[in-house]
PDB file of N, CA and C in Angstrom:
ATOM      1  N   MET A   1      -1.803  -2.472  11.604  1.00  0.00           N
ATOM      2  CA  MET A   1      -1.173  -1.413  10.992  1.00  0.00           C
ATOM      3  C   MET A   1      -2.006  -0.093  11.146  1.00  0.00           C
ATOM      4  N   GLN A   2      -1.340   1.004  11.242  1.00  0.00           N
ATOM      5  CA  GLN A   2      -1.949   2.268  11.543  1.00  0.00           C
ATOM      6  C   GLN A   2      -1.555   3.256  10.493  1.00  0.00           C
ATOM      7  N   ILE A   3      -2.461   4.070  10.051  1.00  0.00           N
ATOM      8  CA  ILE A   3      -2.199   5.186   9.216  1.00  0.00           C
ATOM      9  C   ILE A   3      -2.151   6.407   9.941  1.00  0.00           C
ATOM     10  N   THR A   4      -1.125   7.268   9.761  1.00  0.00           N
ATOM     11  CA  THR A   4      -1.047   8.727  10.412  1.00  0.00           C
ATOM     12  C   THR A   4      -0.524   9.631   9.045  1.00  0.00           C
ATOM     13  N   GLU A   5      -1.255  10.574   9.015  1.00  0.00           N
ATOM     14  CA  GLU A   5      -0.964  11.491   7.975  1.00  0.00           C
ATOM     15  C   GLU A   5      -0.253  12.859   8.529  1.00  0.00           C
ATOM     16  N   LYS A   6       0.582  13.502   7.736  1.00  0.00           N
ATOM     17  CA  LYS A   6       1.239  14.593   8.204  1.00  0.00           C
ATOM     18  C   LYS A   6       0.070  15.563   8.822  1.00  0.00           C
ATOM     19  N   PRO A   7       0.419  16.245   9.931  1.00  0.00           N
ATOM     20  CA  PRO A   7      -0.439  16.929  10.742  1.00  0.00           C
ATOM     21  C   PRO A   7      -1.248  18.018   9.676  1.00  0.00           C
ATOM     22  N   THR A   8      -2.666  18.029   9.787  1.00  0.00           N
ATOM     23  CA  THR A   8      -3.506  18.926   8.959  1.00  0.00           C
ATOM     24  C   THR A   8      -4.591  19.372   9.851  1.00  0.00           C
ATOM     25  N   THR A   9      -5.337  20.331   9.254  1.00  0.00           N
ATOM     26  CA  THR A   9      -6.369  20.900  10.112  1.00  0.00           C
ATOM     27  C   THR A   9      -7.524  19.888  10.250  1.00  0.00           C
ATOM     28  N   THR A  10      -7.586  18.891   9.391  1.00  0.00           N
ATOM     29  CA  THR A  10      -8.659  17.811   9.581  1.00  0.00           C
ATOM     30  C   THR A  10      -8.181  16.588   9.370  1.00  0.00           C
ATOM     31  N   GLU A  11      -8.752  15.361   9.873  1.00  0.00           N
ATOM     32  CA  GLU A  11      -8.308  14.134   9.538  1.00  0.00           C
ATOM     33  C   GLU A  11      -9.188  13.445   8.695  1.00  0.00           C
ATOM     34  N   THR A  12      -9.463  13.799   7.410  1.00  0.00           N
ATOM     35  CA  THR A  12     -10.003  13.305   6.337  1.00  0.00           C
ATOM     36  C   THR A  12      -9.052  12.491   5.458  1.00  0.00           C
ATOM     37  N   SER A  13      -9.466  11.524   4.826  1.00  0.00           N
ATOM     38  CA  SER A  13      -8.738  10.878   3.906  1.00  0.00           C
ATOM     39  C   SER A  13      -8.601  11.500   2.548  1.00  0.00           C
ATOM     40  N   GLN A  14      -7.547  11.284   1.874  1.00  0.00           N
ATOM     41  CA  GLN A  14      -7.385  11.987   0.624  1.00  0.00           C
ATOM     42  C   GLN A  14      -7.360  11.046  -0.601  1.00  0.00           C
ATOM     43  N   ASP A  15      -7.524  11.470  -1.799  1.00  0.00           N
ATOM     44  CA  ASP A  15      -7.123  10.622  -2.911  1.00  0.00           C
ATOM     45  C   ASP A  15      -5.776  10.422  -3.186  1.00  0.00           C
ATOM     46  N   VAL A  16      -5.307   9.037  -3.517  1.00  0.00           N
ATOM     47  CA  VAL A  16      -3.861   8.724  -3.801  1.00  0.00           C
ATOM     48  C   VAL A  16      -3.940   8.047  -4.972  1.00  0.00           C
ATOM     49  N   ILE A  17      -3.202   8.474  -6.037  1.00  0.00           N
ATOM     50  CA  ILE A  17      -2.890   7.759  -7.203  1.00  0.00           C
ATOM     51  C   ILE A  17      -1.826   6.499  -6.956  1.00  0.00           C
ATOM     52  N   VAL A  18      -2.087   5.345  -7.074  1.00  0.00           N
ATOM     53  CA  VAL A  18      -1.115   4.309  -6.759  1.00  0.00           C
ATOM     54  C   VAL A  18      -0.749   3.559  -8.050  1.00  0.00           C
ATOM     55  N   LYS A  19       0.601   3.623  -8.325  1.00  0.00           N
ATOM     56  CA  LYS A  19       1.020   2.877  -9.528  1.00  0.00           C
ATOM     57  C   LYS A  19       1.881   1.614  -8.883  1.00  0.00           C
ATOM     58  N   ILE A  20       1.317   0.238  -9.382  1.00  0.00           N
ATOM     59  CA  ILE A  20       1.956  -0.818  -8.896  1.00  0.00           C
ATOM     60  C   ILE A  20       2.696  -1.386  -9.984  1.00  0.00           C
ATOM     61  N   GLN A  21       3.994  -1.789  -9.681  1.00  0.00           N
ATOM     62  CA  GLN A  21       4.906  -2.609 -10.545  1.00  0.00           C
ATOM     63  C   GLN A  21       5.099  -3.791 -10.246  1.00  0.00           C
ATOM     64  N   LEU A  22       4.873  -4.839 -11.074  1.00  0.00           N
ATOM     65  CA  LEU A  22       5.028  -6.314 -10.752  1.00  0.00           C
ATOM     66  C   LEU A  22       6.195  -6.796 -11.435  1.00  0.00           C
ATOM     67  N   ASN A  23       6.771  -8.042 -10.915  1.00  0.00           N
ATOM     68  CA  ASN A  23       7.828  -8.861 -11.792  1.00  0.00           C
ATOM     69  C   ASN A  23       7.222  -8.891 -13.206  1.00  0.00           C
ATOM     70  N   GLY A  24       8.240  -9.057 -14.180  1.00  0.00           N
ATOM     71  CA  GLY A  24       7.891  -9.070 -15.479  1.00  0.00           C
ATOM     72  C   GLY A  24       7.598  -7.834 -16.140  1.00  0.00           C
ATOM     73  N   GLY A  25       7.479  -6.690 -15.499  1.00  0.00           N
ATOM     74  CA  GLY A  25       7.299  -5.374 -16.004  1.00  0.00           C
ATOM     75  C   GLY A  25       5.751  -5.045 -16.072  1.00  0.00           C
ATOM     76  N   HIS A  26       4.958  -5.785 -15.449  1.00  0.00           N
ATOM     77  CA  HIS A  26       3.568  -5.593 -15.591  1.00  0.00           C
ATOM     78  C   HIS A  26       3.215  -4.242 -14.612  1.00  0.00           C
ATOM     79  N   ASN A  27       2.348  -3.252 -15.078  1.00  0.00           N
ATOM     80  CA  ASN A  27       2.056  -2.015 -14.265  1.00  0.00           C
ATOM     81  C   ASN A  27       0.662  -1.938 -14.234  1.00  0.00           C
ATOM     82  N   HIS A  28       0.140  -1.154 -13.096  1.00  0.00           N
ATOM     83  CA  HIS A  28      -1.224  -0.881 -13.030  1.00  0.00           C
ATOM     84  C   HIS A  28      -1.402   0.325 -12.145  1.00  0.00           C
ATOM     85  N   THR A  29      -2.221   1.254 -12.330  1.00  0.00           N
ATOM     86  CA  THR A  29      -2.502   2.372 -11.737  1.00  0.00           C
ATOM     87  C   THR A  29      -3.982   2.427 -11.170  1.00  0.00           C
ATOM     88  N   LEU A  30      -4.036   2.728  -9.909  1.00  0.00           N
ATOM     89  CA  LEU A  30      -5.214   2.696  -8.947  1.00  0.00           C
ATOM     90  C   LEU A  30      -5.423   4.029  -8.467  1.00  0.00           C
ATOM     91  N   ALA A  31      -6.627   4.433  -8.180  1.00  0.00           N
ATOM     92  CA  ALA A  31      -6.936   5.705  -7.342  1.00  0.00           C
ATOM     93  C   ALA A  31      -7.595   4.923  -6.047  1.00  0.00           C
ATOM     94  N   LEU A  32      -6.944   5.382  -4.930  1.00  0.00           N
ATOM     95  CA  LEU A  32      -7.351   4.860  -3.748  1.00  0.00           C
ATOM     96  C   LEU A  32      -7.404   6.005  -2.627  1.00  0.00           C
ATOM     97  N   LYS A  33      -8.125   5.795  -1.518  1.00  0.00           N
ATOM     98  CA  LYS A  33      -8.117   6.926  -0.438  1.00  0.00           C
ATOM     99  C   LYS A  33      -7.042   6.501   0.341  1.00  0.00           C
ATOM    100  N   SER A  34      -6.381   7.654   0.950  1.00  0.00           N
ATOM    101  CA  SER A  34      -5.251   7.355   1.784  1.00  0.00           C
ATOM    102  C   SER A  34      -5.309   6.336   3.088  1.00  0.00           C
ATOM    103  N   ASP A  35      -6.650   6.233   3.486  1.00  0.00           N
ATOM    104  CA  ASP A  35      -7.022   5.381   4.716  1.00  0.00           C
ATOM    105  C   ASP A  35      -7.454   3.879   4.338  1.00  0.00           C
ATOM    106  N   THR A  36      -7.304   3.556   2.916  1.00  0.00           N
ATOM    107  CA  THR A  36      -8.004   2.198   2.593  1.00  0.00           C
ATOM    108  C   THR A  36      -6.978   1.121   3.082  1.00  0.00           C
ATOM    109  N   PRO A  37      -7.511  -0.036   3.541  1.00  0.00           N
ATOM    110  CA  PRO A  37      -6.702  -1.020   4.043  1.00  0.00           C
ATOM    111  C   PRO A  37      -5.935  -1.639   2.818  1.00  0.00           C
ATOM    112  N   LEU A  38      -6.412  -1.503   1.624  1.00  0.00           N
ATOM    113  CA  LEU A  38      -5.480  -2.092   0.537  1.00  0.00           C
ATOM    114  C   LEU A  38      -4.298  -1.357   0.437  1.00  0.00           C
ATOM    115  N   LEU A  39      -4.274  -0.057   0.529  1.00  0.00           N
ATOM    116  CA  LEU A  39      -2.961   0.693   0.365  1.00  0.00           C
ATOM    117  C   LEU A  39      -1.982   0.240   1.730  1.00  0.00           C
ATOM    118  N   ARG A  40      -2.564   0.287   2.832  1.00  0.00           N
ATOM    119  CA  ARG A  40      -1.650  -0.243   3.865  1.00  0.00           C
ATOM    120  C   ARG A  40      -1.149  -1.807   3.501  1.00  0.00           C
ATOM    121  N   SER A  41      -1.960  -2.534   2.914  1.00  0.00           N
ATOM    122  CA  SER A  41      -1.501  -3.965   2.756  1.00  0.00           C
ATOM    123  C   SER A  41      -0.375  -3.885   1.624  1.00  0.00           C
ATOM    124  N   LEU A  42      -0.558  -3.202   0.516  1.00  0.00           N
ATOM    125  CA  LEU A  42       0.451  -2.940  -0.488  1.00  0.00           C
ATOM    126  C   LEU A  42       1.849  -2.508   0.064  1.00  0.00           C
ATOM    127  N   LEU A  43       1.726  -1.417   0.891  1.00  0.00           N
ATOM    128  CA  LEU A  43       2.929  -0.849   1.312  1.00  0.00           C
ATOM    129  C   LEU A  43       3.561  -1.749   2.525  1.00  0.00           C
ATOM    130  N   GLY A  44       2.615  -2.413   3.248  1.00  0.00           N
ATOM    131  CA  GLY A  44       2.998  -3.298   4.376  1.00  0.00           C
ATOM    132  C   GLY A  44       3.723  -4.468   3.654  1.00  0.00           C
ATOM    133  N   SER A  45       3.363  -5.006   2.622  1.00  0.00           N
ATOM    134  CA  SER A  45       3.901  -6.074   2.018  1.00  0.00           C
ATOM    135  C   SER A  45       5.429  -5.732   1.525  1.00  0.00           C
ATOM    136  N   ILE A  46       5.679  -4.595   1.068  1.00  0.00           N
ATOM    137  CA  ILE A  46       6.946  -4.167   0.685  1.00  0.00           C
ATOM    138  C   ILE A  46       7.876  -4.039   1.900  1.00  0.00           C
ATOM    139  N   LEU A  47       7.288  -3.382   3.031  1.00  0.00           N
ATOM    140  CA  LEU A  47       7.952  -3.184   4.254  1.00  0.00           C
ATOM    141  C   LEU A  47       8.314  -4.610   4.868  1.00  0.00           C
ATOM    142  N   GLY A  48       7.440  -5.563   4.780  1.00  0.00           N
ATOM    143  CA  GLY A  48       7.560  -7.068   5.376  1.00  0.00           C
ATOM    144  C   GLY A  48       8.728  -7.555   4.620  1.00  0.00           C
ATOM    145  N   ARG A  49       8.896  -7.420   3.391  1.00  0.00           N
ATOM    146  CA  ARG A  49      10.020  -7.994   2.569  1.00  0.00           C
ATOM    147  C   ARG A  49      11.284  -7.304   2.977  1.00  0.00           C
ATOM    148  N   VAL A  50      11.339  -6.098   3.158  1.00  0.00           N
ATOM    149  CA  VAL A  50      12.556  -5.357   3.636  1.00  0.00           C
ATOM    150  C   VAL A  50      12.943  -5.786   5.090  1.00  0.00           C
ATOM    151  N   GLN A  51      11.886  -6.010   5.854  1.00  0.00           N
ATOM    152  CA  GLN A  51      12.245  -6.626   7.281  1.00  0.00           C
ATOM    153  C   GLN A  51      12.284  -8.181   7.223  1.00  0.00           C
ATOM    154  N   ASN A  52      12.302  -8.890   6.214  1.00  0.00           N
ATOM    155  CA  ASN A  52      12.554 -10.221   6.121  1.00  0.00           C
ATOM    156  C   ASN A  52      11.290 -10.986   6.908  1.00  0.00           C
ATOM    157  N   ALA A  53      10.226 -10.377   6.880  1.00  0.00           N
ATOM    158  CA  ALA A  53       9.076 -11.009   7.596  1.00  0.00           C
ATOM    159  C   ALA A  53       8.507 -12.344   6.943  1.00  0.00           C
ATOM    160  N   GLY A  54       8.741 -12.444   5.598  1.00  0.00           N
ATOM    161  CA  GLY A  54       8.405 -13.589   4.770  1.00  0.00           C
ATOM    162  C   GLY A  54       6.924 -13.907   4.817  1.00  0.00           C
ATOM    163  N   ASN A  55       6.076 -13.066   4.973  1.00  0.00           N
ATOM    164  CA  ASN A  55       4.598 -13.195   4.832  1.00  0.00           C
ATOM    165  C   ASN A  55       4.210 -12.913   3.388  1.00  0.00           C
ATOM    166  N   ARG A  56       3.358 -13.883   2.831  1.00  0.00           N
ATOM    167  CA  ARG A  56       2.877 -13.793   1.650  1.00  0.00           C
ATOM    168  C   ARG A  56       1.240 -13.433   1.659  1.00  0.00           C
ATOM    169  N   THR A  57       0.942 -12.486   0.590  1.00  0.00           N
ATOM    170  CA  THR A  57      -0.332 -12.161   0.571  1.00  0.00           C
ATOM    171  C   THR A  57      -0.797 -12.194  -0.679  1.00  0.00           C
ATOM    172  N   LEU A  58      -1.908 -12.632  -0.974  1.00  0.00           N
ATOM    173  CA  LEU A  58      -2.676 -12.633  -2.382  1.00  0.00           C
ATOM    174  C   LEU A  58      -3.502 -11.334  -2.304  1.00  0.00           C
ATOM    175  N   PHE A  59      -3.123 -10.517  -3.339  1.00  0.00           N
ATOM    176  CA  PHE A  59      -3.946  -9.270  -3.605  1.00  0.00           C
ATOM    177  C   PHE A  59      -5.006  -9.615  -4.687  1.00  0.00           C
ATOM    178  N   GLN A  60      -6.218  -9.219  -4.517  1.00  0.00           N
ATOM    179  CA  GLN A  60      -7.363  -9.311  -5.514  1.00  0.00           C
ATOM    180  C   GLN A  60      -7.898  -7.884  -5.496  1.00  0.00           C
ATOM    181  N   ILE A  61      -7.619  -7.221  -6.591  1.00  0.00           N
ATOM    182  CA  ILE A  61      -8.058  -5.808  -6.609  1.00  0.00           C
ATOM    183  C   ILE A  61      -9.183  -5.673  -7.767  1.00  0.00           C
ATOM    184  N   PRO A  62     -10.257  -5.292  -7.588  1.00  0.00           N
ATOM    185  CA  PRO A  62     -11.277  -5.026  -8.562  1.00  0.00           C
ATOM    186  C   PRO A  62     -10.760  -3.755  -9.367  1.00  0.00           C
ATOM    187  N   THR A  63     -10.904  -3.801 -10.822  1.00  0.00           N
ATOM    188  CA  THR A  63     -10.629  -2.669 -11.628  1.00  0.00           C
ATOM    189  C   THR A  63     -11.759  -2.507 -12.682  1.00  0.00           C
ATOM    190  N   GLU A  64     -11.675  -1.266 -13.389  1.00  0.00           N
ATOM    191  CA  GLU A  64     -12.689  -1.051 -14.344  1.00  0.00           C
ATOM    192  C   GLU A  64     -13.979  -1.168 -13.808  1.00  0.00           C
ATOM    193  N   ALA A  65     -14.212  -0.550 -12.581  1.00  0.00           N
ATOM    194  CA  ALA A  65     -15.611  -0.577 -12.046  1.00  0.00           C
ATOM    195  C   ALA A  65     -16.062  -1.941 -11.621  1.00  0.00           C
ATOM    196  N   GLY A  66     -15.229  -2.682 -11.340  1.00  0.00           N
ATOM    197  CA  GLY A  66     -15.599  -4.046 -11.023  1.00  0.00           C
ATOM    198  C   GLY A  66     -15.792  -5.109 -12.030  1.00  0.00           C
ATOM    199  N   ARG A  67     -15.487  -4.609 -13.373  1.00  0.00           N
ATOM    200  CA  ARG A  67     -15.741  -5.568 -14.327  1.00  0.00           C
ATOM    201  C   ARG A  67     -14.478  -6.456 -14.764  1.00  0.00           C
ATOM    202  N   SER A  68     -13.341  -6.205 -14.078  1.00  0.00           N
ATOM    203  CA  SER A  68     -12.262  -7.096 -14.137  1.00  0.00           C
ATOM    204  C   SER A  68     -11.532  -7.014 -12.708  1.00  0.00           C
ATOM    205  N   ALA A  69     -10.488  -7.795 -12.411  1.00  0.00           N
ATOM    206  CA  ALA A  69      -9.835  -7.749 -11.263  1.00  0.00           C
ATOM    207  C   ALA A  69      -8.210  -8.091 -11.540  1.00  0.00           C
ATOM    208  N   LEU A  70      -7.498  -7.385 -10.803  1.00  0.00           N
ATOM    209  CA  LEU A  70      -5.984  -7.597 -10.778  1.00  0.00           C
ATOM    210  C   LEU A  70      -5.574  -8.536  -9.632  1.00  0.00           C
ATOM    211  N   CYS A  71      -5.133  -9.686  -9.838  1.00  0.00           N
ATOM    212  CA  CYS A  71      -4.774 -10.572  -8.870  1.00  0.00           C
ATOM    213  C   CYS A  71      -3.128 -11.020  -8.916  1.00  0.00           C
ATOM    214  N   PHE A  72      -2.485 -10.855  -7.694  1.00  0.00           N
ATOM    215  CA  PHE A  72      -1.188 -11.250  -7.777  1.00  0.00           C
ATOM    216  C   PHE A  72      -0.673 -11.454  -6.396  1.00  0.00           C
ATOM    217  N   CYS A  73       0.397 -12.211  -6.267  1.00  0.00           N
ATOM    218  CA  CYS A  73       1.047 -12.634  -4.920  1.00  0.00           C
ATOM    219  C   CYS A  73       1.938 -11.499  -4.663  1.00  0.00           C
ATOM    220  N   SER A  74       2.051 -11.311  -3.311  1.00  0.00           N
ATOM    221  CA  SER A  74       2.984 -10.192  -2.712  1.00  0.00           C
ATOM    222  C   SER A  74       4.307 -10.318  -3.307  1.00  0.00           C
ATOM    223  N   ASP A  75       4.650 -11.555  -3.489  1.00  0.00           N
ATOM    224  CA  ASP A  75       6.111 -11.881  -3.865  1.00  0.00           C
ATOM    225  C   ASP A  75       6.393 -11.349  -5.222  1.00  0.00           C
ATOM    226  N   ASP A  76       5.365 -11.070  -6.111  1.00  0.00           N
ATOM    227  CA  ASP A  76       5.572 -10.471  -7.419  1.00  0.00           C
ATOM    228  C   ASP A  76       5.516  -8.949  -7.292  1.00  0.00           C
ATOM    229  N   LEU A  77       5.260  -8.360  -6.175  1.00  0.00           N
ATOM    230  CA  LEU A  77       5.226  -6.862  -6.107  1.00  0.00           C
ATOM    231  C   LEU A  77       6.471  -6.353  -6.073  1.00  0.00           C
ATOM    232  N   VAL A  78       6.944  -5.286  -7.021  1.00  0.00           N
ATOM    233  CA  VAL A  78       8.199  -4.715  -6.956  1.00  0.00           C
ATOM    234  C   VAL A  78       8.255  -3.387  -6.296  1.00  0.00           C
ATOM    235  N   CYS A  79       7.108  -2.598  -6.718  1.00  0.00           N
ATOM    236  CA  CYS A  79       7.107  -1.278  -6.096  1.00  0.00           C
ATOM    237  C   CYS A  79       5.639  -0.789  -6.081  1.00  0.00           C
ATOM    238  N   VAL A  80       5.513   0.139  -5.189  1.00  0.00           N
ATOM    239  CA  VAL A  80       4.236   0.879  -5.277  1.00  0.00           C
ATOM    240  C   VAL A  80       4.515   2.469  -5.267  1.00  0.00           C
ATOM    241  N   GLN A  81       4.056   3.079  -6.304  1.00  0.00           N
ATOM    242  CA  GLN A  81       4.345   4.614  -6.321  1.00  0.00           C
ATOM    243  C   GLN A  81       2.935   5.153  -6.151  1.00  0.00           C
ATOM    244  N   THR A  82       3.094   6.289  -5.270  1.00  0.00           N
ATOM    245  CA  THR A  82       1.984   7.123  -4.737  1.00  0.00           C
ATOM    246  C   THR A  82       2.017   8.485  -5.081  1.00  0.00           C
ATOM    247  N   GLU A  83       0.877   9.082  -5.419  1.00  0.00           N
ATOM    248  CA  GLU A  83       0.673  10.425  -5.677  1.00  0.00           C
ATOM    249  C   GLU A  83      -0.473  11.075  -5.004  1.00  0.00           C
ATOM    250  N   PRO A  84      -0.325  11.932  -3.941  1.00  0.00           N
ATOM    251  CA  PRO A  84       0.856  12.460  -3.470  1.00  0.00           C
ATOM    252  C   PRO A  84       1.639  11.317  -2.677  1.00  0.00           C
ATOM    253  N   PRO A  85       2.774  11.658  -2.360  1.00  0.00           N
ATOM    254  CA  PRO A  85       3.636  10.750  -1.715  1.00  0.00           C
ATOM    255  C   PRO A  85       3.144  10.103  -0.330  1.00  0.00           C
ATOM    256  N   VAL A  86       3.204   8.856  -0.190  1.00  0.00           N
ATOM    257  CA  VAL A  86       2.999   8.298   1.066  1.00  0.00           C
ATOM    258  C   VAL A  86       4.296   7.376   1.485  1.00  0.00           C
ATOM    259  N   TYR A  87       4.705   7.694   2.622  1.00  0.00           N
ATOM    260  CA  TYR A  87       5.912   7.070   3.129  1.00  0.00           C
ATOM    261  C   TYR A  87       5.537   6.122   4.149  1.00  0.00           C
ATOM    262  N   VAL A  88       6.460   4.874   4.234  1.00  0.00           N
ATOM    263  CA  VAL A  88       6.140   3.676   5.030  1.00  0.00           C
ATOM    264  C   VAL A  88       7.311   3.807   6.102  1.00  0.00           C
ATOM    265  N   ARG A  89       6.957   3.495   7.264  1.00  0.00           N
ATOM    266  CA  ARG A  89       7.884   3.288   8.385  1.00  0.00           C
ATOM    267  C   ARG A  89       7.555   2.250   9.422  1.00  0.00           C
ATOM    268  N   PRO A  90       8.292   1.590   9.866  1.00  0.00           N
ATOM    269  CA  PRO A  90       7.847   0.567  10.870  1.00  0.00           C
ATOM    270  C   PRO A  90       7.049   1.258  12.095  1.00  0.00           C
ATOM    271  N   ASN A  91       6.025   0.523  12.392  1.00  0.00           N
ATOM    272  CA  ASN A  91       5.221   0.964  13.622  1.00  0.00           C
ATOM    273  C   ASN A  91       5.698   0.229  14.897  1.00  0.00           C
ATOM    274  N   GLU A  92       6.585   0.927  15.724  1.00  0.00           N
ATOM    275  CA  GLU A  92       7.260   0.299  16.741  1.00  0.00           C
ATOM    276  C   GLU A  92       6.391   0.004  17.952  1.00  0.00           C
ATOM    277  N   GLU A  93       5.263   0.521  17.950  1.00  0.00           N
ATOM    278  CA  GLU A  93       4.309   0.359  18.943  1.00  0.00           C
ATOM    279  C   GLU A  93       3.481  -0.847  18.877  1.00  0.00           C
ATOM    280  N   GLU A  94       3.365  -1.497  17.690  1.00  0.00           N
ATOM    281  CA  GLU A  94       2.720  -2.780  17.423  1.00  0.00           C
ATOM    282  C   GLU A  94       3.643  -3.869  17.375  1.00  0.00           C
ATOM    283  N   SER A  95       3.403  -5.121  18.084  1.00  0.00           N
ATOM    284  CA  SER A  95       4.260  -6.043  18.092  1.00  0.00           C
ATOM    285  C   SER A  95       4.107  -6.955  16.865  1.00  0.00           C
ATOM    286  N   ASN A  96       3.007  -6.645  15.948  1.00  0.00           N
ATOM    287  CA  ASN A  96       2.792  -7.549  14.822  1.00  0.00           C
ATOM    288  C   ASN A  96       3.558  -7.097  13.507  1.00  0.00           C
ATOM    289  N   GLY A  97       4.445  -6.117  13.671  1.00  0.00           N
ATOM    290  CA  GLY A  97       5.175  -5.654  12.465  1.00  0.00           C
ATOM    291  C   GLY A  97       4.322  -4.752  11.677  1.00  0.00           C
ATOM    292  N   GLY A  98       3.321  -3.983  12.245  1.00  0.00           N
ATOM    293  CA  GLY A  98       2.542  -3.077  11.664  1.00  0.00           C
ATOM    294  C   GLY A  98       3.307  -1.918  11.012  1.00  0.00           C
ATOM    295  N   VAL A  99       2.799  -1.111  10.087  1.00  0.00           N
ATOM    296  CA  VAL A  99       3.427   0.059   9.453  1.00  0.00           C
ATOM    297  C   VAL A  99       2.564   1.233   9.796  1.00  0.00           C
ATOM    298  N   THR A 100       3.188   2.474   9.689  1.00  0.00           N
ATOM    299  CA  THR A 100       2.585   3.637   9.876  1.00  0.00           C
ATOM    300  C   THR A 100       2.870   4.274   8.548  1.00  0.00           C
ATOM    301  N   LEU A 101       1.888   4.935   7.900  1.00  0.00           N
ATOM    302  CA  LEU A 101       1.884   5.692   6.715  1.00  0.00           C
ATOM    303  C   LEU A 101       1.729   7.113   7.016  1.00  0.00           C
ATOM    304  N   ALA A 102       2.716   7.979   6.457  1.00  0.00           N
ATOM    305  CA  ALA A 102       2.635   9.533   6.544  1.00  0.00           C
ATOM    306  C   ALA A 102       2.905  10.057   5.273  1.00  0.00           C
ATOM    307  N   ASP A 103       2.196  11.333   5.011  1.00  0.00           N
ATOM    308  CA  ASP A 103       2.434  11.988   3.842  1.00  0.00           C
ATOM    309  C   ASP A 103       3.818  12.621   3.944  1.00  0.00           C
ATOM    310  N   SER A 104       4.402  13.210   2.929  1.00  0.00           N
ATOM    311  CA  SER A 104       5.743  13.859   2.864  1.00  0.00           C
ATOM    312  C   SER A 104       5.671  14.944   4.009  1.00  0.00           C
TER     313      SER A 104
END
């Protein structure tokens, strides 16, 4: 998977607020950097389902400064909301079904 952000003057990562919604109405909010592998995995999981890839992933996300963890299967992931917006599109250059992330 590859991350590309909207053209800017520098190629630094930015803070992204990520709201995760799971089956059963469970919600969780995280603050991640735009270049973190976790953000790519979360969004790639949704893209994979859309593309009928059928790959399952176990997410184990530390929360509350490492005092607890949020663990769930990618099958239970309903949506990922990001602030600022991060959009997912298939990365056609990679044969493994990777994703490219880009800001609005």
